[in-house]
Amino acid sequence: MGLDYTEIGRRIARRRKQLNLKQAVVEERADIGYKYLSSIERGFSIPSTEVIMRLAKALDTTPDEFLVGTSRVQDETWRNTAEYLRTMNEKQLELARSFLQWLSEQDL
């Protein structure tokens, strides 16, 4: 299985945009050269494992979010939330569902 560096670059860009960060800010946080992130995000440069690790730290995620499209941090959050839901009775679950529906409609 080969790595798709264009897709890895897209994932990095997506995460950066989710955090509303400019490329220069991420480059500084990750201690990588000027315009290198742009080249990675467009799939023109192949980042080393060390650079992937630094970018993950700078973007507050795990390297697997970039490499395979999933994040252990997200998975852990889902598991923790599911644990709360498992312990709830029907009334509590209905209230939680209503709250989640309301929350999803909010522009936060």
PDB file of N, CA and C in Angstrom:
ATOM      1  N   MET A   1       0.837  -1.176   0.000  1.00  0.00           N
ATOM      2  CA  MET A   1       0.000   0.000   0.000  1.00  0.00           C
ATOM      3  C   MET A   1       0.886   1.244   0.000  1.00  0.00           C
ATOM      4  N   GLY A   2       0.793   2.036  -1.039  1.00  0.00           N
ATOM      5  CA  GLY A   2       1.570   3.261  -1.121  1.00  0.00           C
ATOM      6  C   GLY A   2       0.808   4.431  -0.526  1.00  0.00           C
ATOM      7  N   LEU A   3       1.545   5.422  -0.122  1.00  0.00           N
ATOM      8  CA  LEU A   3       0.923   6.623   0.431  1.00  0.00           C
ATOM      9  C   LEU A   3       0.580   7.588  -0.693  1.00  0.00           C
ATOM     10  N   ASP A   4      -0.592   8.187  -0.605  1.00  0.00           N
ATOM     11  CA  ASP A   4      -1.030   9.192  -1.568  1.00  0.00           C
ATOM     12  C   ASP A   4      -0.693  10.562  -0.981  1.00  0.00           C
ATOM     13  N   TYR A   5       0.425  11.126  -1.421  1.00  0.00           N
ATOM     14  CA  TYR A   5       0.906  12.369  -0.819  1.00  0.00           C
ATOM     15  C   TYR A   5       0.023  13.566  -1.176  1.00  0.00           C
ATOM     16  N   THR A   6      -0.689  13.486  -2.287  1.00  0.00           N
ATOM     17  CA  THR A   6      -1.635  14.558  -2.620  1.00  0.00           C
ATOM     18  C   THR A   6      -2.777  14.557  -1.614  1.00  0.00           C
ATOM     19  N   GLU A   7      -3.263  13.366  -1.275  1.00  0.00           N
ATOM     20  CA  GLU A   7      -4.348  13.258  -0.292  1.00  0.00           C
ATOM     21  C   GLU A   7      -3.857  13.647   1.104  1.00  0.00           C
ATOM     22  N   ILE A   8      -2.648  13.265   1.438  1.00  0.00           N
ATOM     23  CA  ILE A   8      -2.075  13.661   2.728  1.00  0.00           C
ATOM     24  C   ILE A   8      -2.018  15.189   2.806  1.00  0.00           C
ATOM     25  N   GLY A   9      -1.583  15.822   1.741  1.00  0.00           N
ATOM     26  CA  GLY A   9      -1.543  17.284   1.703  1.00  0.00           C
ATOM     27  C   GLY A   9      -2.920  17.899   1.871  1.00  0.00           C
ATOM     28  N   ARG A  10      -3.927  17.292   1.241  1.00  0.00           N
ATOM     29  CA  ARG A  10      -5.306  17.786   1.383  1.00  0.00           C
ATOM     30  C   ARG A  10      -5.781  17.665   2.822  1.00  0.00           C
ATOM     31  N   ARG A  11      -5.443  16.567   3.462  1.00  0.00           N
ATOM     32  CA  ARG A  11      -5.855  16.367   4.861  1.00  0.00           C
ATOM     33  C   ARG A  11      -5.194  17.389   5.783  1.00  0.00           C
ATOM     34  N   ILE A  12      -3.937  17.675   5.522  1.00  0.00           N
ATOM     35  CA  ILE A  12      -3.228  18.676   6.323  1.00  0.00           C
ATOM     36  C   ILE A  12      -3.886  20.042   6.121  1.00  0.00           C
ATOM     37  N   ALA A  13      -4.167  20.381   4.875  1.00  0.00           N
ATOM     38  CA  ALA A  13      -4.809  21.667   4.573  1.00  0.00           C
ATOM     39  C   ALA A  13      -6.188  21.755   5.216  1.00  0.00           C
ATOM     40  N   ARG A  14      -6.947  20.662   5.156  1.00  0.00           N
ATOM     41  CA  ARG A  14      -8.285  20.641   5.749  1.00  0.00           C
ATOM     42  C   ARG A  14      -8.211  20.905   7.251  1.00  0.00           C
ATOM     43  N   ARG A  15      -7.262  20.246   7.925  1.00  0.00           N
ATOM     44  CA  ARG A  15      -7.124  20.426   9.367  1.00  0.00           C
ATOM     45  C   ARG A  15      -6.703  21.864   9.691  1.00  0.00           C
ATOM     46  N   ARG A  16      -5.778  22.389   8.915  1.00  0.00           N
ATOM     47  CA  ARG A  16      -5.315  23.763   9.136  1.00  0.00           C
ATOM     48  C   ARG A  16      -6.482  24.744   8.988  1.00  0.00           C
ATOM     49  N   LYS A  17      -7.296  24.527   7.976  1.00  0.00           N
ATOM     50  CA  LYS A  17      -8.437  25.410   7.738  1.00  0.00           C
ATOM     51  C   LYS A  17      -9.503  25.258   8.821  1.00  0.00           C
ATOM     52  N   GLN A  18      -9.671  24.037   9.337  1.00  0.00           N
ATOM     53  CA  GLN A  18     -10.616  23.835  10.446  1.00  0.00           C
ATOM     54  C   GLN A  18     -10.230  24.698  11.636  1.00  0.00           C
ATOM     55  N   LEU A  19      -8.940  24.861  11.834  1.00  0.00           N
ATOM     56  CA  LEU A  19      -8.437  25.650  12.964  1.00  0.00           C
ATOM     57  C   LEU A  19      -8.271  27.128  12.611  1.00  0.00           C
ATOM     58  N   ASN A  20      -8.629  27.482  11.374  1.00  0.00           N
ATOM     59  CA  ASN A  20      -8.504  28.866  10.898  1.00  0.00           C
ATOM     60  C   ASN A  20      -7.086  29.409  11.059  1.00  0.00           C
ATOM     61  N   LEU A  21      -6.119  28.591  10.672  1.00  0.00           N
ATOM     62  CA  LEU A  21      -4.721  29.009  10.775  1.00  0.00           C
ATOM     63  C   LEU A  21      -4.138  29.277   9.392  1.00  0.00           C
ATOM     64  N   LYS A  22      -3.313  30.282   9.305  1.00  0.00           N
ATOM     65  CA  LYS A  22      -2.601  30.577   8.067  1.00  0.00           C
ATOM     66  C   LYS A  22      -1.388  29.647   7.969  1.00  0.00           C
ATOM     67  N   GLN A  23      -0.964  29.405   6.731  1.00  0.00           N
ATOM     68  CA  GLN A  23       0.166  28.520   6.514  1.00  0.00           C
ATOM     69  C   GLN A  23       1.405  28.990   7.267  1.00  0.00           C
ATOM     70  N   ALA A  24       1.649  30.279   7.267  1.00  0.00           N
ATOM     71  CA  ALA A  24       2.845  30.815   7.939  1.00  0.00           C
ATOM     72  C   ALA A  24       2.844  30.505   9.432  1.00  0.00           C
ATOM     73  N   VAL A  25       1.672  30.545  10.054  1.00  0.00           N
ATOM     74  CA  VAL A  25       1.567  30.247  11.485  1.00  0.00           C
ATOM     75  C   VAL A  25       1.913  28.783  11.737  1.00  0.00           C
ATOM     76  N   VAL A  26       1.377  27.896  10.904  1.00  0.00           N
ATOM     77  CA  VAL A  26       1.643  26.458  11.069  1.00  0.00           C
ATOM     78  C   VAL A  26       3.113  26.164  10.785  1.00  0.00           C
ATOM     79  N   GLU A  27       3.675  26.810   9.759  1.00  0.00           N
ATOM     80  CA  GLU A  27       5.098  26.615   9.458  1.00  0.00           C
ATOM     81  C   GLU A  27       5.969  27.008  10.651  1.00  0.00           C
ATOM     82  N   GLU A  28       5.600  28.098  11.291  1.00  0.00           N
ATOM     83  CA  GLU A  28       6.364  28.543  12.461  1.00  0.00           C
ATOM     84  C   GLU A  28       6.211  27.553  13.614  1.00  0.00           C
ATOM     85  N   ARG A  29       4.976  27.131  13.884  1.00  0.00           N
ATOM     86  CA  ARG A  29       4.735  26.171  14.974  1.00  0.00           C
ATOM     87  C   ARG A  29       5.453  24.852  14.745  1.00  0.00           C
ATOM     88  N   ALA A  30       5.488  24.424  13.480  1.00  0.00           N
ATOM     89  CA  ALA A  30       6.104  23.131  13.149  1.00  0.00           C
ATOM     90  C   ALA A  30       7.599  23.261  12.861  1.00  0.00           C
ATOM     91  N   ASP A  31       8.089  24.489  12.868  1.00  0.00           N
ATOM     92  CA  ASP A  31       9.500  24.761  12.589  1.00  0.00           C
ATOM     93  C   ASP A  31       9.925  24.184  11.241  1.00  0.00           C
ATOM     94  N   ILE A  32       9.120  24.529  10.218  1.00  0.00           N
ATOM     95  CA  ILE A  32       9.470  24.124   8.855  1.00  0.00           C
ATOM     96  C   ILE A  32       9.637  25.384   8.014  1.00  0.00           C
ATOM     97  N   GLY A  33      10.291  25.246   6.887  1.00  0.00           N
ATOM     98  CA  GLY A  33      10.635  26.391   6.053  1.00  0.00           C
ATOM     99  C   GLY A  33       9.449  27.112   5.434  1.00  0.00           C
ATOM    100  N   TYR A  34       9.709  28.361   5.069  1.00  0.00           N
ATOM    101  CA  TYR A  34       8.737  29.225   4.414  1.00  0.00           C
ATOM    102  C   TYR A  34       8.285  28.587   3.099  1.00  0.00           C
ATOM    103  N   LYS A  35       7.009  28.525   2.901  1.00  0.00           N
ATOM    104  CA  LYS A  35       6.355  27.979   1.699  1.00  0.00           C
ATOM    105  C   LYS A  35       6.415  26.450   1.602  1.00  0.00           C
ATOM    106  N   TYR A  36       7.081  25.784   2.540  1.00  0.00           N
ATOM    107  CA  TYR A  36       7.151  24.319   2.497  1.00  0.00           C
ATOM    108  C   TYR A  36       5.771  23.711   2.716  1.00  0.00           C
ATOM    109  N   LEU A  37       4.991  24.282   3.616  1.00  0.00           N
ATOM    110  CA  LEU A  37       3.654  23.753   3.880  1.00  0.00           C
ATOM    111  C   LEU A  37       2.775  23.856   2.636  1.00  0.00           C
ATOM    112  N   SER A  38       2.869  24.948   1.928  1.00  0.00           N
ATOM    113  CA  SER A  38       2.103  25.107   0.690  1.00  0.00           C
ATOM    114  C   SER A  38       2.445  23.992  -0.295  1.00  0.00           C
ATOM    115  N   SER A  39       3.703  23.692  -0.396  1.00  0.00           N
ATOM    116  CA  SER A  39       4.166  22.641  -1.300  1.00  0.00           C
ATOM    117  C   SER A  39       3.661  21.258  -0.858  1.00  0.00           C
ATOM    118  N   ILE A  40       3.640  21.029   0.443  1.00  0.00           N
ATOM    119  CA  ILE A  40       3.125  19.762   0.981  1.00  0.00           C
ATOM    120  C   ILE A  40       1.625  19.664   0.728  1.00  0.00           C
ATOM    121  N   GLU A  41       0.894  20.736   1.024  1.00  0.00           N
ATOM    122  CA  GLU A  41      -0.560  20.722   0.878  1.00  0.00           C
ATOM    123  C   GLU A  41      -0.989  20.502  -0.571  1.00  0.00           C
ATOM    124  N   ARG A  42      -0.178  20.936  -1.514  1.00  0.00           N
ATOM    125  CA  ARG A  42      -0.511  20.746  -2.936  1.00  0.00           C
ATOM    126  C   ARG A  42       0.035  19.431  -3.491  1.00  0.00           C
ATOM    127  N   GLY A  43       0.728  18.673  -2.653  1.00  0.00           N
ATOM    128  CA  GLY A  43       1.241  17.374  -3.076  1.00  0.00           C
ATOM    129  C   GLY A  43       2.516  17.439  -3.880  1.00  0.00           C
ATOM    130  N   PHE A  44       3.192  18.590  -3.884  1.00  0.00           N
ATOM    131  CA  PHE A  44       4.430  18.747  -4.630  1.00  0.00           C
ATOM    132  C   PHE A  44       5.648  18.263  -3.858  1.00  0.00           C
ATOM    133  N   SER A  45       5.578  18.318  -2.534  1.00  0.00           N
ATOM    134  CA  SER A  45       6.681  17.861  -1.690  1.00  0.00           C
ATOM    135  C   SER A  45       6.221  16.681  -0.844  1.00  0.00           C
ATOM    136  N   ILE A  46       7.125  15.761  -0.619  1.00  0.00           N
ATOM    137  CA  ILE A  46       6.849  14.598   0.218  1.00  0.00           C
ATOM    138  C   ILE A  46       7.481  14.844   1.582  1.00  0.00           C
ATOM    139  N   PRO A  47       6.639  15.037   2.605  1.00  0.00           N
ATOM    140  CA  PRO A  47       7.187  15.331   3.935  1.00  0.00           C
ATOM    141  C   PRO A  47       7.782  14.089   4.593  1.00  0.00           C
ATOM    142  N   SER A  48       8.810  14.299   5.359  1.00  0.00           N
ATOM    143  CA  SER A  48       9.401  13.197   6.125  1.00  0.00           C
ATOM    144  C   SER A  48       8.479  12.841   7.287  1.00  0.00           C
ATOM    145  N   THR A  49       8.750  11.729   7.911  1.00  0.00           N
ATOM    146  CA  THR A  49       7.987  11.319   9.091  1.00  0.00           C
ATOM    147  C   THR A  49       8.105  12.375  10.178  1.00  0.00           C
ATOM    148  N   GLU A  50       9.294  12.924  10.333  1.00  0.00           N
ATOM    149  CA  GLU A  50       9.495  13.960  11.351  1.00  0.00           C
ATOM    150  C   GLU A  50       8.620  15.183  11.071  1.00  0.00           C
ATOM    151  N   VAL A  51       8.530  15.595   9.816  1.00  0.00           N
ATOM    152  CA  VAL A  51       7.707  16.754   9.462  1.00  0.00           C
ATOM    153  C   VAL A  51       6.234  16.448   9.700  1.00  0.00           C
ATOM    154  N   ILE A  52       5.794  15.242   9.356  1.00  0.00           N
ATOM    155  CA  ILE A  52       4.401  14.843   9.614  1.00  0.00           C
ATOM    156  C   ILE A  52       4.119  14.931  11.113  1.00  0.00           C
ATOM    157  N   MET A  53       5.057  14.465  11.922  1.00  0.00           N
ATOM    158  CA  MET A  53       4.885  14.508  13.377  1.00  0.00           C
ATOM    159  C   MET A  53       4.797  15.958  13.865  1.00  0.00           C
ATOM    160  N   ARG A  54       5.663  16.809  13.354  1.00  0.00           N
ATOM    161  CA  ARG A  54       5.645  18.214  13.775  1.00  0.00           C
ATOM    162  C   ARG A  54       4.362  18.911  13.343  1.00  0.00           C
ATOM    163  N   LEU A  55       3.899  18.603  12.137  1.00  0.00           N
ATOM    164  CA  LEU A  55       2.644  19.200  11.663  1.00  0.00           C
ATOM    165  C   LEU A  55       1.459  18.725  12.504  1.00  0.00           C
ATOM    166  N   ALA A  56       1.465  17.447  12.858  1.00  0.00           N
ATOM    167  CA  ALA A  56       0.380  16.926  13.697  1.00  0.00           C
ATOM    168  C   ALA A  56       0.347  17.654  15.037  1.00  0.00           C
ATOM    169  N   LYS A  57       1.507  17.859  15.619  1.00  0.00           N
ATOM    170  CA  LYS A  57       1.562  18.583  16.891  1.00  0.00           C
ATOM    171  C   LYS A  57       1.118  20.032  16.712  1.00  0.00           C
ATOM    172  N   ALA A  58       1.576  20.671  15.655  1.00  0.00           N
ATOM    173  CA  ALA A  58       1.219  22.069  15.394  1.00  0.00           C
ATOM    174  C   ALA A  58      -0.278  22.232  15.136  1.00  0.00           C
ATOM    175  N   LEU A  59      -0.900  21.180  14.591  1.00  0.00           N
ATOM    176  CA  LEU A  59      -2.325  21.233  14.258  1.00  0.00           C
ATOM    177  C   LEU A  59      -3.174  20.462  15.265  1.00  0.00           C
ATOM    178  N   ASP A  60      -2.591  20.141  16.420  1.00  0.00           N
ATOM    179  CA  ASP A  60      -3.313  19.517  17.530  1.00  0.00           C
ATOM    180  C   ASP A  60      -4.095  18.274  17.109  1.00  0.00           C
ATOM    181  N   THR A  61      -3.392  17.348  16.468  1.00  0.00           N
ATOM    182  CA  THR A  61      -4.005  16.091  16.057  1.00  0.00           C
ATOM    183  C   THR A  61      -2.938  15.010  16.097  1.00  0.00           C
ATOM    184  N   THR A  62      -3.249  13.869  15.522  1.00  0.00           N
ATOM    185  CA  THR A  62      -2.283  12.779  15.457  1.00  0.00           C
ATOM    186  C   THR A  62      -1.888  12.546  14.000  1.00  0.00           C
ATOM    187  N   PRO A  63      -0.704  12.003  13.759  1.00  0.00           N
ATOM    188  CA  PRO A  63      -0.248  11.792  12.381  1.00  0.00           C
ATOM    189  C   PRO A  63      -1.193  10.920  11.554  1.00  0.00           C
ATOM    190  N   ASP A  64      -1.896   9.996  12.198  1.00  0.00           N
ATOM    191  CA  ASP A  64      -2.781   9.124  11.429  1.00  0.00           C
ATOM    192  C   ASP A  64      -3.925   9.892  10.773  1.00  0.00           C
ATOM    193  N   GLU A  65      -4.276  11.059  11.298  1.00  0.00           N
ATOM    194  CA  GLU A  65      -5.304  11.863  10.616  1.00  0.00           C
ATOM    195  C   GLU A  65      -4.815  12.241   9.224  1.00  0.00           C
ATOM    196  N   PHE A  66      -3.541  12.536   9.080  1.00  0.00           N
ATOM    197  CA  PHE A  66      -2.980  12.896   7.780  1.00  0.00           C
ATOM    198  C   PHE A  66      -2.693  11.662   6.920  1.00  0.00           C
ATOM    199  N   LEU A  67      -2.148  10.625   7.551  1.00  0.00           N
ATOM    200  CA  LEU A  67      -1.697   9.458   6.787  1.00  0.00           C
ATOM    201  C   LEU A  67      -2.832   8.547   6.324  1.00  0.00           C
ATOM    202  N   VAL A  68      -3.806   8.315   7.191  1.00  0.00           N
ATOM    203  CA  VAL A  68      -4.893   7.393   6.826  1.00  0.00           C
ATOM    204  C   VAL A  68      -6.280   8.014   6.908  1.00  0.00           C
ATOM    205  N   GLY A  69      -6.358   9.253   7.326  1.00  0.00           N
ATOM    206  CA  GLY A  69      -7.640   9.946   7.329  1.00  0.00           C
ATOM    207  C   GLY A  69      -8.465   9.791   8.590  1.00  0.00           C
ATOM    208  N   THR A  70      -7.894   9.194   9.631  1.00  0.00           N
ATOM    209  CA  THR A  70      -8.591   9.085  10.909  1.00  0.00           C
ATOM    210  C   THR A  70      -7.662   9.570  12.001  1.00  0.00           C
ATOM    211  N   SER A  71      -8.255   9.965  13.080  1.00  0.00           N
ATOM    212  CA  SER A  71      -7.459  10.472  14.195  1.00  0.00           C
ATOM    213  C   SER A  71      -7.773   9.689  15.454  1.00  0.00           C
ATOM    214  N   ARG A  72      -6.743   9.218  16.134  1.00  0.00           N
ATOM    215  CA  ARG A  72      -6.961   8.529  17.405  1.00  0.00           C
ATOM    216  C   ARG A  72      -7.601   9.453  18.417  1.00  0.00           C
ATOM    217  N   VAL A  73      -7.278  10.734  18.340  1.00  0.00           N
ATOM    218  CA  VAL A  73      -7.876  11.694  19.265  1.00  0.00           C
ATOM    219  C   VAL A  73      -9.382  11.716  19.053  1.00  0.00           C
ATOM    220  N   GLN A  74      -9.814  11.775  17.796  1.00  0.00           N
ATOM    221  CA  GLN A  74     -11.242  11.770  17.489  1.00  0.00           C
ATOM    222  C   GLN A  74     -11.874  10.447  17.915  1.00  0.00           C
ATOM    223  N   ASP A  75     -11.210   9.336  17.620  1.00  0.00           N
ATOM    224  CA  ASP A  75     -11.734   8.026  18.000  1.00  0.00           C
ATOM    225  C   ASP A  75     -11.915   7.940  19.513  1.00  0.00           C
ATOM    226  N   GLU A  76     -10.948   8.448  20.248  1.00  0.00           N
ATOM    227  CA  GLU A  76     -11.006   8.418  21.706  1.00  0.00           C
ATOM    228  C   GLU A  76     -12.167   9.277  22.207  1.00  0.00           C
ATOM    229  N   THR A  77     -12.364  10.427  21.585  1.00  0.00           N
ATOM    230  CA  THR A  77     -13.481  11.299  21.957  1.00  0.00           C
ATOM    231  C   THR A  77     -14.805  10.583  21.719  1.00  0.00           C
ATOM    232  N   TRP A  78     -14.925   9.924  20.582  1.00  0.00           N
ATOM    233  CA  TRP A  78     -16.155   9.181  20.285  1.00  0.00           C
ATOM    234  C   TRP A  78     -16.376   8.078  21.312  1.00  0.00           C
ATOM    235  N   ARG A  79     -15.325   7.349  21.643  1.00  0.00           N
ATOM    236  CA  ARG A  79     -15.453   6.258  22.627  1.00  0.00           C
ATOM    237  C   ARG A  79     -15.879   6.796  23.979  1.00  0.00           C
ATOM    238  N   ASN A  80     -15.272   7.897  24.402  1.00  0.00           N
ATOM    239  CA  ASN A  80     -15.643   8.481  25.696  1.00  0.00           C
ATOM    240  C   ASN A  80     -17.097   8.923  25.709  1.00  0.00           C
ATOM    241  N   THR A  81     -17.538   9.538  24.630  1.00  0.00           N
ATOM    242  CA  THR A  81     -18.933   9.970  24.531  1.00  0.00           C
ATOM    243  C   THR A  81     -19.868   8.769  24.513  1.00  0.00           C
ATOM    244  N   ALA A  82     -19.502   7.745  23.780  1.00  0.00           N
ATOM    245  CA  ALA A  82     -20.334   6.530  23.713  1.00  0.00           C
ATOM    246  C   ALA A  82     -20.469   5.883  25.086  1.00  0.00           C
ATOM    247  N   GLU A  83     -19.400   5.937  25.894  1.00  0.00           N
ATOM    248  CA  GLU A  83     -19.469   5.373  27.242  1.00  0.00           C
ATOM    249  C   GLU A  83     -20.527   6.083  28.084  1.00  0.00           C
ATOM    250  N   TYR A  84     -20.603   7.401  27.960  1.00  0.00           N
ATOM    251  CA  TYR A  84     -21.645   8.137  28.671  1.00  0.00           C
ATOM    252  C   TYR A  84     -23.028   7.692  28.208  1.00  0.00           C
ATOM    253  N   LEU A  85     -23.193   7.561  26.914  1.00  0.00           N
ATOM    254  CA  LEU A  85     -24.499   7.195  26.361  1.00  0.00           C
ATOM    255  C   LEU A  85     -24.925   5.785  26.788  1.00  0.00           C
ATOM    256  N   ARG A  86     -23.980   4.879  26.882  1.00  0.00           N
ATOM    257  CA  ARG A  86     -24.293   3.487  27.259  1.00  0.00           C
ATOM    258  C   ARG A  86     -24.909   3.379  28.648  1.00  0.00           C
ATOM    259  N   THR A  87     -24.565   4.302  29.515  1.00  0.00           N
ATOM    260  CA  THR A  87     -25.044   4.218  30.903  1.00  0.00           C
ATOM    261  C   THR A  87     -26.395   4.911  31.104  1.00  0.00           C
ATOM    262  N   MET A  88     -26.925   5.533  30.055  1.00  0.00           N
ATOM    263  CA  MET A  88     -28.151   6.318  30.202  1.00  0.00           C
ATOM    264  C   MET A  88     -29.409   5.477  30.014  1.00  0.00           C
ATOM    265  N   ASN A  89     -30.456   5.887  30.738  1.00  0.00           N
ATOM    266  CA  ASN A  89     -31.757   5.244  30.547  1.00  0.00           C
ATOM    267  C   ASN A  89     -32.459   5.902  29.353  1.00  0.00           C
ATOM    268  N   GLU A  90     -33.660   5.434  29.014  1.00  0.00           N
ATOM    269  CA  GLU A  90     -34.365   5.944  27.831  1.00  0.00           C
ATOM    270  C   GLU A  90     -34.644   7.435  27.901  1.00  0.00           C
ATOM    271  N   LYS A  91     -35.046   7.925  29.060  1.00  0.00           N
ATOM    272  CA  LYS A  91     -35.335   9.354  29.207  1.00  0.00           C
ATOM    273  C   LYS A  91     -34.076  10.191  28.981  1.00  0.00           C
ATOM    274  N   GLN A  92     -32.983   9.747  29.564  1.00  0.00           N
ATOM    275  CA  GLN A  92     -31.728  10.471  29.412  1.00  0.00           C
ATOM    276  C   GLN A  92     -31.255  10.458  27.954  1.00  0.00           C
ATOM    277  N   LEU A  93     -31.406   9.308  27.292  1.00  0.00           N
ATOM    278  CA  LEU A  93     -31.008   9.213  25.883  1.00  0.00           C
ATOM    279  C   LEU A  93     -31.838  10.152  25.010  1.00  0.00           C
ATOM    280  N   GLU A  94     -33.131  10.244  25.285  1.00  0.00           N
ATOM    281  CA  GLU A  94     -33.993  11.138  24.507  1.00  0.00           C
ATOM    282  C   GLU A  94     -33.574  12.590  24.733  1.00  0.00           C
ATOM    283  N   LEU A  95     -33.276  12.944  25.960  1.00  0.00           N
ATOM    284  CA  LEU A  95     -32.816  14.291  26.260  1.00  0.00           C
ATOM    285  C   LEU A  95     -31.478  14.568  25.556  1.00  0.00           C
ATOM    286  N   ALA A  96     -30.573  13.601  25.596  1.00  0.00           N
ATOM    287  CA  ALA A  96     -29.275  13.748  24.932  1.00  0.00           C
ATOM    288  C   ALA A  96     -29.471  13.916  23.422  1.00  0.00           C
ATOM    289  N   ARG A  97     -30.360  13.131  22.828  1.00  0.00           N
ATOM    290  CA  ARG A  97     -30.639  13.243  21.392  1.00  0.00           C
ATOM    291  C   ARG A  97     -31.185  14.629  21.062  1.00  0.00           C
ATOM    292  N   SER A  98     -32.120  15.117  21.870  1.00  0.00           N
ATOM    293  CA  SER A  98     -32.689  16.444  21.645  1.00  0.00           C
ATOM    294  C   SER A  98     -31.619  17.523  21.745  1.00  0.00           C
ATOM    295  N   PHE A  99     -30.761  17.392  22.753  1.00  0.00           N
ATOM    296  CA  PHE A  99     -29.678  18.364  22.917  1.00  0.00           C
ATOM    297  C   PHE A  99     -28.724  18.325  21.725  1.00  0.00           C
ATOM    298  N   LEU A 100     -28.358  17.125  21.278  1.00  0.00           N
ATOM    299  CA  LEU A 100     -27.441  17.007  20.142  1.00  0.00           C
ATOM    300  C   LEU A 100     -28.060  17.582  18.871  1.00  0.00           C
ATOM    301  N   GLN A 101     -29.350  17.371  18.691  1.00  0.00           N
ATOM    302  CA  GLN A 101     -30.028  17.946  17.531  1.00  0.00           C
ATOM    303  C   GLN A 101     -29.968  19.475  17.601  1.00  0.00           C
ATOM    304  N   TRP A 102     -30.299  20.032  18.780  1.00  0.00           N
ATOM    305  CA  TRP A 102     -30.237  21.474  18.961  1.00  0.00           C
ATOM    306  C   TRP A 102     -28.811  21.981  18.718  1.00  0.00           C
ATOM    307  N   LEU A 103     -27.830  21.283  19.287  1.00  0.00           N
ATOM    308  CA  LEU A 103     -26.441  21.694  19.165  1.00  0.00           C
ATOM    309  C   LEU A 103     -25.981  21.700  17.708  1.00  0.00           C
ATOM    310  N   SER A 104     -26.412  20.705  16.937  1.00  0.00           N
ATOM    311  CA  SER A 104     -26.007  20.630  15.533  1.00  0.00           C
ATOM    312  C   SER A 104     -26.578  21.774  14.696  1.00  0.00           C
ATOM    313  N   GLU A 105     -27.629  22.391  15.184  1.00  0.00           N
ATOM    314  CA  GLU A 105     -28.266  23.500  14.463  1.00  0.00           C
ATOM    315  C   GLU A 105     -27.648  24.853  14.808  1.00  0.00           C
ATOM    316  N   GLN A 106     -26.766  24.867  15.795  1.00  0.00           N
ATOM    317  CA  GLN A 106     -26.150  26.120  16.247  1.00  0.00           C
ATOM    318  C   GLN A 106     -24.972  26.488  15.349  1.00  0.00           C
ATOM    319  N   ASP A 107     -24.800  27.758  15.130  1.00  0.00           N
ATOM    320  CA  ASP A 107     -23.670  28.254  14.338  1.00  0.00           C
ATOM    321  C   ASP A 107     -22.568  28.682  15.304  1.00  0.00           C
ATOM    322  N   LEU A 108     -21.732  27.727  15.704  1.00  0.00           N
ATOM    323  CA  LEU A 108     -20.696  28.008  16.703  1.00  0.00           C
ATOM    324  C   LEU A 108     -19.349  28.246  16.049  1.00  0.00           C
TER     325      LEU A 108
END
